[in-house]
Amino acid sequence: MKVFALILVFITITLIEIPRLLKSKQVKEAVVSLTLISLGFILSLLQVVGIKVLNPNKAIIILIKFIFPDI
């Protein structure tokens, strides 16, 4: 039931956001938005089915230290 509710929520968000962006000819923004929505859906789905998801903060910190080594 939780998985169905999750799918319904993300489909609703997608159906509200993406057509609005495409209608105003913001294709790049629509692609970025769809990518972020998909990533959020995957992470949420993994948590709902009980798979432990790693903390993304650690990956972000490693990436920032790689890009800006002087920090």
C-alpha atoms as a PDB file:
ATOM      1  CA  MET A   1       0.000   0.000   0.000  1.00  0.00           C
ATOM      2  CA  LYS A   2       2.865   2.381   0.810  1.00  0.00           C
ATOM      3  CA  VAL A   3       4.481   1.685  -2.552  1.00  0.00           C
ATOM      4  CA  PHE A   4       1.218   2.437  -4.363  1.00  0.00           C
ATOM      5  CA  ALA A   5       0.815   5.718  -2.449  1.00  0.00           C
ATOM      6  CA  LEU A   6       4.409   6.669  -3.227  1.00  0.00           C
ATOM      7  CA  ILE A   7       3.934   5.982  -6.933  1.00  0.00           C
ATOM      8  CA  LEU A   8       0.715   7.997  -6.930  1.00  0.00           C
ATOM      9  CA  VAL A   9       2.382  10.979  -5.245  1.00  0.00           C
ATOM     10  CA  PHE A  10       5.319  11.050  -7.653  1.00  0.00           C
ATOM     11  CA  ILE A  11       3.089  10.629 -10.715  1.00  0.00           C
ATOM     12  CA  THR A  12       0.967  13.536  -9.499  1.00  0.00           C
ATOM     13  CA  ILE A  13       4.018  15.737  -8.961  1.00  0.00           C
ATOM     14  CA  THR A  14       5.349  14.839 -12.398  1.00  0.00           C
ATOM     15  CA  LEU A  15       2.023  15.484 -14.135  1.00  0.00           C
ATOM     16  CA  ILE A  16       1.818  18.912 -12.517  1.00  0.00           C
ATOM     17  CA  GLU A  17       5.406  20.072 -13.054  1.00  0.00           C
ATOM     18  CA  ILE A  18       6.606  18.676 -16.384  1.00  0.00           C
ATOM     19  CA  PRO A  19       3.763  19.790 -18.696  1.00  0.00           C
ATOM     20  CA  ARG A  20       3.962  23.310 -17.256  1.00  0.00           C
ATOM     21  CA  LEU A  21       7.674  23.494 -18.022  1.00  0.00           C
ATOM     22  CA  LEU A  22       7.266  22.036 -21.505  1.00  0.00           C
ATOM     23  CA  LYS A  23       4.393  24.401 -22.282  1.00  0.00           C
ATOM     24  CA  SER A  24       6.641  27.371 -21.549  1.00  0.00           C
ATOM     25  CA  LYS A  25       9.372  25.776 -23.708  1.00  0.00           C
ATOM     26  CA  GLN A  26      11.732  25.167 -20.794  1.00  0.00           C
ATOM     27  CA  VAL A  27      13.000  21.813 -21.998  1.00  0.00           C
ATOM     28  CA  LYS A  28      16.309  21.881 -20.108  1.00  0.00           C
ATOM     29  CA  GLU A  29      14.524  22.715 -16.867  1.00  0.00           C
ATOM     30  CA  ALA A  30      12.042  19.912 -17.525  1.00  0.00           C
ATOM     31  CA  VAL A  31      14.880  17.417 -17.999  1.00  0.00           C
ATOM     32  CA  VAL A  32      16.598  18.534 -14.788  1.00  0.00           C
ATOM     33  CA  SER A  33      13.304  18.456 -12.893  1.00  0.00           C
ATOM     34  CA  LEU A  34      12.457  14.990 -14.190  1.00  0.00           C
ATOM     35  CA  THR A  35      15.936  13.766 -13.255  1.00  0.00           C
ATOM     36  CA  LEU A  36      15.608  15.074  -9.694  1.00  0.00           C
ATOM     37  CA  ILE A  37      12.076  13.713  -9.353  1.00  0.00           C
ATOM     38  CA  SER A  38      13.285  10.308 -10.585  1.00  0.00           C
ATOM     39  CA  LEU A  39      16.189  10.315  -8.142  1.00  0.00           C
ATOM     40  CA  GLY A  40      13.847  11.237  -5.312  1.00  0.00           C
ATOM     41  CA  PHE A  41      11.447   8.481  -6.336  1.00  0.00           C
ATOM     42  CA  ILE A  42      14.175   5.848  -6.414  1.00  0.00           C
ATOM     43  CA  LEU A  43      15.520   6.840  -2.990  1.00  0.00           C
ATOM     44  CA  SER A  44      12.014   6.968  -1.510  1.00  0.00           C
ATOM     45  CA  LEU A  45      11.094   3.602  -3.016  1.00  0.00           C
ATOM     46  CA  LEU A  46      14.205   1.980  -1.592  1.00  0.00           C
ATOM     47  CA  GLN A  47      13.360   3.299   1.862  1.00  0.00           C
ATOM     48  CA  VAL A  48       9.719   2.197   1.638  1.00  0.00           C
ATOM     49  CA  VAL A  49      10.633  -1.383   0.702  1.00  0.00           C
ATOM     50  CA  GLY A  50      13.118  -1.521   3.574  1.00  0.00           C
ATOM     51  CA  ILE A  51      16.455  -1.241   1.811  1.00  0.00           C
ATOM     52  CA  LYS A  52      18.896   0.863   3.810  1.00  0.00           C
ATOM     53  CA  VAL A  53      19.973   3.884   1.794  1.00  0.00           C
ATOM     54  CA  LEU A  54      23.345   5.478   2.462  1.00  0.00           C
ATOM     55  CA  ASN A  55      23.428   9.053   3.667  1.00  0.00           C
ATOM     56  CA  PRO A  56      23.940  11.297   0.595  1.00  0.00           C
ATOM     57  CA  ASN A  57      25.686  13.939   2.713  1.00  0.00           C
ATOM     58  CA  LYS A  58      28.876  11.873   2.789  1.00  0.00           C
ATOM     59  CA  ALA A  59      28.976  11.671  -1.004  1.00  0.00           C
ATOM     60  CA  ILE A  60      28.339  15.406  -1.304  1.00  0.00           C
ATOM     61  CA  ILE A  61      31.166  16.186   1.132  1.00  0.00           C
ATOM     62  CA  ILE A  62      33.576  13.961  -0.817  1.00  0.00           C
ATOM     63  CA  LEU A  63      32.543  15.632  -4.087  1.00  0.00           C
ATOM     64  CA  ILE A  64      32.990  19.135  -2.672  1.00  0.00           C
ATOM     65  CA  LYS A  65      36.412  18.259  -1.234  1.00  0.00           C
ATOM     66  CA  PHE A  66      37.408  16.858  -4.636  1.00  0.00           C
ATOM     67  CA  ILE A  67      36.291  20.014  -6.460  1.00  0.00           C
ATOM     68  CA  PHE A  68      37.589  22.451  -3.832  1.00  0.00           C
ATOM     69  CA  PRO A  69      40.603  20.797  -2.171  1.00  0.00           C
ATOM     70  CA  ASP A  70      41.593  23.968  -0.257  1.00  0.00           C
ATOM     71  CA  ILE A  71      38.431  23.970   1.860  1.00  0.00           C
END
